[in-house]
């Protein structure tokens, strides 16, 4: 097959896919082609670091308490987080856990926080901060450690263009429990824009 015929076939296939001329509604990856809409003025490029490199850390188990969650109390961050409303904290006592948990609730009579035995477990509290809508998610991707530290890799998913958004502001957060430890806890977060088109 000549070079020109190959180019023609690739262009023709691209036009068919763009116009809906194919009965195959499967992902583009199956065809070996990858759709690249490129960065837009509003959301910039999507950073994908790929799989986590072998960093010598051993994966550790954790239990989701409330993850991912979004609170209608968009002001929760000013009560419990940093100046921007974000939060990444190891909680090792019932008093602080209750403070964080109740600040995240938007009920007039919030339910009591789950029972945690802080001699056995610690809570990792993660929050993106106040969000302009309810489509944000903060999720733990991996918890791993060695003798010196525990590393928490987490992701905040941000709605991109074309996502149906609510008018309500929110507060995206994630609470998980790990085995109690005195090791240093390092939080490594990144953001990803979700494509809703």
C-alpha atoms as a PDB file:
ATOM      1  CA  UNK A   1       0.000   0.000   0.000  1.00  0.00           C
ATOM      2  CA  UNK A   2       1.420   3.365  -0.912  1.00  0.00           C
ATOM      3  CA  UNK A   3       2.012   6.192   1.536  1.00  0.00           C
ATOM      4  CA  UNK A   4      -0.779   8.363   0.006  1.00  0.00           C
ATOM      5  CA  UNK A   5      -3.338   5.554   0.291  1.00  0.00           C
ATOM      6  CA  UNK A   6      -2.394   5.078   3.959  1.00  0.00           C
ATOM      7  CA  UNK A   7      -2.904   8.775   4.686  1.00  0.00           C
ATOM      8  CA  UNK A   8      -6.243   8.703   2.829  1.00  0.00           C
ATOM      9  CA  UNK A   9      -7.472   5.737   4.889  1.00  0.00           C
ATOM     10  CA  UNK A  10      -6.458   7.352   8.173  1.00  0.00           C
ATOM     11  CA  UNK A  11      -8.221  10.606   7.228  1.00  0.00           C
ATOM     12  CA  UNK A  12     -11.329   8.736   6.013  1.00  0.00           C
ATOM     13  CA  UNK A  13     -11.500   6.706   9.240  1.00  0.00           C
ATOM     14  CA  UNK A  14     -11.160   9.906  11.270  1.00  0.00           C
ATOM     15  CA  UNK A  15     -14.036  11.534   9.374  1.00  0.00           C
ATOM     16  CA  UNK A  16     -16.233   8.477   9.853  1.00  0.00           C
ATOM     17  CA  UNK A  17     -15.539   8.419  13.578  1.00  0.00           C
ATOM     18  CA  UNK A  18     -16.163  12.163  13.942  1.00  0.00           C
ATOM     19  CA  UNK A  19     -19.434  12.017  12.005  1.00  0.00           C
ATOM     20  CA  UNK A  20     -20.758   8.958  13.782  1.00  0.00           C
ATOM     21  CA  UNK A  21     -20.413   6.868  10.613  1.00  0.00           C
ATOM     22  CA  UNK A  22     -19.385   3.777  12.533  1.00  0.00           C
ATOM     23  CA  UNK A  23     -21.683   1.379  14.344  1.00  0.00           C
ATOM     24  CA  UNK A  24     -18.865   0.753  16.835  1.00  0.00           C
ATOM     25  CA  UNK A  25     -19.460   3.063  19.788  1.00  0.00           C
ATOM     26  CA  UNK A  26     -16.463   1.626  21.665  1.00  0.00           C
ATOM     27  CA  UNK A  27     -13.540   3.706  22.890  1.00  0.00           C
ATOM     28  CA  UNK A  28     -11.041   5.097  20.429  1.00  0.00           C
ATOM     29  CA  UNK A  29      -8.267   3.188  22.170  1.00  0.00           C
ATOM     30  CA  UNK A  30      -9.585  -0.046  20.614  1.00  0.00           C
ATOM     31  CA  UNK A  31      -8.727   1.294  17.158  1.00  0.00           C
ATOM     32  CA  UNK A  32      -5.211   2.233  18.200  1.00  0.00           C
ATOM     33  CA  UNK A  33      -5.996   5.936  17.817  1.00  0.00           C
ATOM     34  CA  UNK A  34      -6.125   8.278  20.776  1.00  0.00           C
ATOM     35  CA  UNK A  35      -8.344  11.335  20.750  1.00  0.00           C
ATOM     36  CA  UNK A  36      -6.472  14.501  21.714  1.00  0.00           C
ATOM     37  CA  UNK A  37      -8.604  17.593  22.035  1.00  0.00           C
ATOM     38  CA  UNK A  38      -5.581  19.461  23.415  1.00  0.00           C
ATOM     39  CA  UNK A  39      -5.622  22.084  26.113  1.00  0.00           C
ATOM     40  CA  UNK A  40      -8.413  24.611  26.230  1.00  0.00           C
ATOM     41  CA  UNK A  41      -8.341  28.121  27.586  1.00  0.00           C
ATOM     42  CA  UNK A  42     -10.545  27.087  30.514  1.00  0.00           C
ATOM     43  CA  UNK A  43      -9.035  23.856  31.745  1.00  0.00           C
ATOM     44  CA  UNK A  44      -5.497  23.530  30.336  1.00  0.00           C
ATOM     45  CA  UNK A  45      -3.865  20.173  29.723  1.00  0.00           C
ATOM     46  CA  UNK A  46      -4.839  17.104  31.706  1.00  0.00           C
ATOM     47  CA  UNK A  47      -1.860  15.850  33.647  1.00  0.00           C
ATOM     48  CA  UNK A  48      -1.635  12.072  33.709  1.00  0.00           C
ATOM     49  CA  UNK A  49       1.353  10.821  35.599  1.00  0.00           C
ATOM     50  CA  UNK A  50       0.496   7.233  34.642  1.00  0.00           C
ATOM     51  CA  UNK A  51       1.099   4.399  37.062  1.00  0.00           C
ATOM     52  CA  UNK A  52       2.906   5.166  40.294  1.00  0.00           C
ATOM     53  CA  UNK A  53       6.594   4.379  39.905  1.00  0.00           C
ATOM     54  CA  UNK A  54       8.225   1.722  42.054  1.00  0.00           C
ATOM     55  CA  UNK A  55       9.322   3.934  44.926  1.00  0.00           C
ATOM     56  CA  UNK A  56      10.221   1.092  47.280  1.00  0.00           C
ATOM     57  CA  UNK A  57       7.151   1.695  49.444  1.00  0.00           C
ATOM     58  CA  UNK A  58       4.877  -1.181  50.440  1.00  0.00           C
ATOM     59  CA  UNK A  59       1.141  -0.722  49.983  1.00  0.00           C
ATOM     60  CA  UNK A  60      -0.826  -0.512  53.210  1.00  0.00           C
ATOM     61  CA  UNK A  61      -4.484  -1.212  53.771  1.00  0.00           C
ATOM     62  CA  UNK A  62      -7.015   1.429  54.686  1.00  0.00           C
ATOM     63  CA  UNK A  63     -10.756   1.662  55.305  1.00  0.00           C
ATOM     64  CA  UNK A  64     -12.937   4.354  53.764  1.00  0.00           C
ATOM     65  CA  UNK A  65     -14.991   6.215  56.346  1.00  0.00           C
ATOM     66  CA  UNK A  66     -16.421   8.773  53.923  1.00  0.00           C
ATOM     67  CA  UNK A  67     -14.588   8.809  50.611  1.00  0.00           C
ATOM     68  CA  UNK A  68     -15.239  10.417  48.212  1.00  0.00           C
ATOM     69  CA  UNK A  69     -17.799  12.750  49.710  1.00  0.00           C
ATOM     70  CA  UNK A  70     -19.001  16.281  49.178  1.00  0.00           C
ATOM     71  CA  UNK A  71     -20.535  18.455  51.840  1.00  0.00           C
ATOM     72  CA  UNK A  72     -23.000  21.229  51.237  1.00  0.00           C
ATOM     73  CA  UNK A  73     -21.184  23.091  54.012  1.00  0.00           C
ATOM     74  CA  UNK A  74     -18.861  24.953  51.644  1.00  0.00           C
ATOM     75  CA  UNK A  75     -17.481  26.934  54.575  1.00  0.00           C
ATOM     76  CA  UNK A  76     -16.181  23.818  56.318  1.00  0.00           C
ATOM     77  CA  UNK A  77     -12.632  24.557  55.189  1.00  0.00           C
ATOM     78  CA  UNK A  78     -12.449  27.844  57.027  1.00  0.00           C
ATOM     79  CA  UNK A  79     -13.367  25.974  60.203  1.00  0.00           C
ATOM     80  CA  UNK A  80     -10.972  23.041  59.871  1.00  0.00           C
ATOM     81  CA  UNK A  81      -8.575  23.621  56.959  1.00  0.00           C
ATOM     82  CA  UNK A  82      -5.788  25.937  55.900  1.00  0.00           C
ATOM     83  CA  UNK A  83      -6.249  29.456  54.568  1.00  0.00           C
ATOM     84  CA  UNK A  84      -7.520  28.097  51.232  1.00  0.00           C
ATOM     85  CA  UNK A  85      -9.862  25.635  52.936  1.00  0.00           C
ATOM     86  CA  UNK A  86      -7.750  22.621  51.991  1.00  0.00           C
ATOM     87  CA  UNK A  87      -6.940  19.889  54.457  1.00  0.00           C
ATOM     88  CA  UNK A  88      -4.435  17.033  54.565  1.00  0.00           C
ATOM     89  CA  UNK A  89      -4.016  15.797  58.095  1.00  0.00           C
ATOM     90  CA  UNK A  90      -3.409  12.670  60.150  1.00  0.00           C
ATOM     91  CA  UNK A  91      -5.909  12.675  63.012  1.00  0.00           C
ATOM     92  CA  UNK A  92      -4.808  10.722  66.073  1.00  0.00           C
ATOM     93  CA  UNK A  93      -7.409  11.724  68.661  1.00  0.00           C
ATOM     94  CA  UNK A  94     -11.177  11.615  69.045  1.00  0.00           C
ATOM     95  CA  UNK A  95     -11.527  15.333  69.794  1.00  0.00           C
ATOM     96  CA  UNK A  96      -9.971  16.482  66.495  1.00  0.00           C
ATOM     97  CA  UNK A  97     -11.819  13.796  64.529  1.00  0.00           C
ATOM     98  CA  UNK A  98     -15.155  14.930  65.985  1.00  0.00           C
ATOM     99  CA  UNK A  99     -14.296  18.568  65.155  1.00  0.00           C
ATOM    100  CA  UNK A 100     -13.499  17.713  61.518  1.00  0.00           C
ATOM    101  CA  UNK A 101     -16.400  15.295  61.088  1.00  0.00           C
ATOM    102  CA  UNK A 102     -19.032  17.691  62.455  1.00  0.00           C
ATOM    103  CA  UNK A 103     -17.689  20.636  60.405  1.00  0.00           C
ATOM    104  CA  UNK A 104     -18.189  18.540  57.257  1.00  0.00           C
ATOM    105  CA  UNK A 105     -21.837  17.803  58.000  1.00  0.00           C
ATOM    106  CA  UNK A 106     -24.544  19.994  56.538  1.00  0.00           C
ATOM    107  CA  UNK A 107     -27.426  18.622  58.589  1.00  0.00           C
ATOM    108  CA  UNK A 108     -29.112  20.705  61.276  1.00  0.00           C
ATOM    109  CA  UNK A 109     -28.750  17.680  63.570  1.00  0.00           C
ATOM    110  CA  UNK A 110     -25.716  15.811  62.251  1.00  0.00           C
ATOM    111  CA  UNK A 111     -25.253  12.139  62.976  1.00  0.00           C
ATOM    112  CA  UNK A 112     -22.530  11.323  65.507  1.00  0.00           C
ATOM    113  CA  UNK A 113     -19.112  10.529  64.072  1.00  0.00           C
ATOM    114  CA  UNK A 114     -18.220   6.866  63.582  1.00  0.00           C
ATOM    115  CA  UNK A 115     -16.493   5.190  66.519  1.00  0.00           C
ATOM    116  CA  UNK A 116     -12.727   5.019  65.986  1.00  0.00           C
ATOM    117  CA  UNK A 117     -10.330   3.373  68.441  1.00  0.00           C
ATOM    118  CA  UNK A 118      -7.392   5.769  68.158  1.00  0.00           C
ATOM    119  CA  UNK A 119      -5.091   3.295  69.913  1.00  0.00           C
ATOM    120  CA  UNK A 120      -5.649   0.989  66.924  1.00  0.00           C
ATOM    121  CA  UNK A 121      -6.356   3.396  64.043  1.00  0.00           C
ATOM    122  CA  UNK A 122      -5.661   6.928  62.846  1.00  0.00           C
ATOM    123  CA  UNK A 123      -7.793   8.891  60.407  1.00  0.00           C
ATOM    124  CA  UNK A 124      -6.450  10.594  57.300  1.00  0.00           C
ATOM    125  CA  UNK A 125      -8.514  13.659  56.455  1.00  0.00           C
ATOM    126  CA  UNK A 126      -8.199  15.092  52.939  1.00  0.00           C
ATOM    127  CA  UNK A 127     -10.128  17.972  51.460  1.00  0.00           C
ATOM    128  CA  UNK A 128      -9.780  20.060  48.351  1.00  0.00           C
ATOM    129  CA  UNK A 129     -11.487  23.040  49.919  1.00  0.00           C
ATOM    130  CA  UNK A 130     -14.596  24.938  48.950  1.00  0.00           C
ATOM    131  CA  UNK A 131     -15.791  24.191  45.424  1.00  0.00           C
ATOM    132  CA  UNK A 132     -18.075  26.232  43.148  1.00  0.00           C
ATOM    133  CA  UNK A 133     -20.278  23.182  42.490  1.00  0.00           C
ATOM    134  CA  UNK A 134     -20.908  19.603  43.630  1.00  0.00           C
ATOM    135  CA  UNK A 135     -19.005  17.823  40.836  1.00  0.00           C
ATOM    136  CA  UNK A 136     -15.564  17.731  42.513  1.00  0.00           C
ATOM    137  CA  UNK A 137     -14.173  14.518  44.041  1.00  0.00           C
ATOM    138  CA  UNK A 138     -11.214  13.889  46.327  1.00  0.00           C
ATOM    139  CA  UNK A 139     -10.121  10.232  46.393  1.00  0.00           C
ATOM    140  CA  UNK A 140      -7.231   8.204  47.817  1.00  0.00           C
ATOM    141  CA  UNK A 141      -5.317   6.424  45.054  1.00  0.00           C
ATOM    142  CA  UNK A 142      -2.754   4.612  47.210  1.00  0.00           C
ATOM    143  CA  UNK A 143      -1.367   4.461  50.723  1.00  0.00           C
ATOM    144  CA  UNK A 144       2.105   2.966  51.018  1.00  0.00           C
ATOM    145  CA  UNK A 145       4.981   3.166  53.440  1.00  0.00           C
ATOM    146  CA  UNK A 146       8.309   2.045  54.771  1.00  0.00           C
ATOM    147  CA  UNK A 147       9.896   2.156  58.234  1.00  0.00           C
ATOM    148  CA  UNK A 148      10.105   5.960  58.236  1.00  0.00           C
ATOM    149  CA  UNK A 149       6.970   7.255  56.537  1.00  0.00           C
ATOM    150  CA  UNK A 150       3.493   6.654  55.162  1.00  0.00           C
ATOM    151  CA  UNK A 151       2.792   8.235  51.766  1.00  0.00           C
ATOM    152  CA  UNK A 152      -0.790   9.062  50.811  1.00  0.00           C
ATOM    153  CA  UNK A 153      -1.272   9.547  47.072  1.00  0.00           C
ATOM    154  CA  UNK A 154      -4.585  11.252  46.384  1.00  0.00           C
ATOM    155  CA  UNK A 155      -6.381  12.793  43.462  1.00  0.00           C
ATOM    156  CA  UNK A 156      -8.852  15.633  43.178  1.00  0.00           C
ATOM    157  CA  UNK A 157     -11.077  15.284  40.123  1.00  0.00           C
ATOM    158  CA  UNK A 158     -12.293  18.618  38.775  1.00  0.00           C
ATOM    159  CA  UNK A 159     -15.212  18.900  36.338  1.00  0.00           C
ATOM    160  CA  UNK A 160     -14.137  20.025  32.881  1.00  0.00           C
ATOM    161  CA  UNK A 161     -16.012  21.724  30.113  1.00  0.00           C
ATOM    162  CA  UNK A 162     -19.315  20.099  29.247  1.00  0.00           C
ATOM    163  CA  UNK A 163     -19.924  18.688  32.734  1.00  0.00           C
ATOM    164  CA  UNK A 164     -23.401  19.269  34.075  1.00  0.00           C
ATOM    165  CA  UNK A 165     -22.821  21.297  37.204  1.00  0.00           C
ATOM    166  CA  UNK A 166     -25.070  22.263  40.075  1.00  0.00           C
ATOM    167  CA  UNK A 167     -25.457  25.810  41.301  1.00  0.00           C
ATOM    168  CA  UNK A 168     -24.701  24.727  44.861  1.00  0.00           C
ATOM    169  CA  UNK A 169     -21.244  25.285  46.305  1.00  0.00           C
ATOM    170  CA  UNK A 170     -19.669  22.369  48.145  1.00  0.00           C
ATOM    171  CA  UNK A 171     -16.648  21.028  49.985  1.00  0.00           C
ATOM    172  CA  UNK A 172     -15.000  17.918  48.534  1.00  0.00           C
ATOM    173  CA  UNK A 173     -13.408  15.604  51.104  1.00  0.00           C
ATOM    174  CA  UNK A 174     -12.230  12.096  51.910  1.00  0.00           C
ATOM    175  CA  UNK A 175     -11.822  10.399  55.318  1.00  0.00           C
ATOM    176  CA  UNK A 176     -10.047   7.049  55.622  1.00  0.00           C
ATOM    177  CA  UNK A 177      -8.731   5.012  58.557  1.00  0.00           C
ATOM    178  CA  UNK A 178      -5.295   3.406  58.665  1.00  0.00           C
ATOM    179  CA  UNK A 179      -3.470   1.366  61.287  1.00  0.00           C
ATOM    180  CA  UNK A 180      -2.207   3.677  64.054  1.00  0.00           C
ATOM    181  CA  UNK A 181       1.370   4.744  63.423  1.00  0.00           C
ATOM    182  CA  UNK A 182       3.936   7.224  64.665  1.00  0.00           C
ATOM    183  CA  UNK A 183       5.649   7.395  61.270  1.00  0.00           C
ATOM    184  CA  UNK A 184       5.637  10.659  59.339  1.00  0.00           C
ATOM    185  CA  UNK A 185       2.640  10.967  56.984  1.00  0.00           C
ATOM    186  CA  UNK A 186       3.334  12.603  53.628  1.00  0.00           C
ATOM    187  CA  UNK A 187       0.406  13.684  51.451  1.00  0.00           C
ATOM    188  CA  UNK A 188       1.033  13.769  47.693  1.00  0.00           C
ATOM    189  CA  UNK A 189      -1.893  15.212  45.776  1.00  0.00           C
ATOM    190  CA  UNK A 190      -2.589  16.007  42.171  1.00  0.00           C
ATOM    191  CA  UNK A 191      -5.532  17.320  40.186  1.00  0.00           C
ATOM    192  CA  UNK A 192      -7.165  15.838  37.111  1.00  0.00           C
ATOM    193  CA  UNK A 193      -9.822  17.425  34.928  1.00  0.00           C
ATOM    194  CA  UNK A 194     -12.707  15.060  34.130  1.00  0.00           C
ATOM    195  CA  UNK A 195     -13.860  15.252  30.517  1.00  0.00           C
ATOM    196  CA  UNK A 196     -17.646  15.076  30.354  1.00  0.00           C
ATOM    197  CA  UNK A 197     -18.059  15.518  26.591  1.00  0.00           C
END
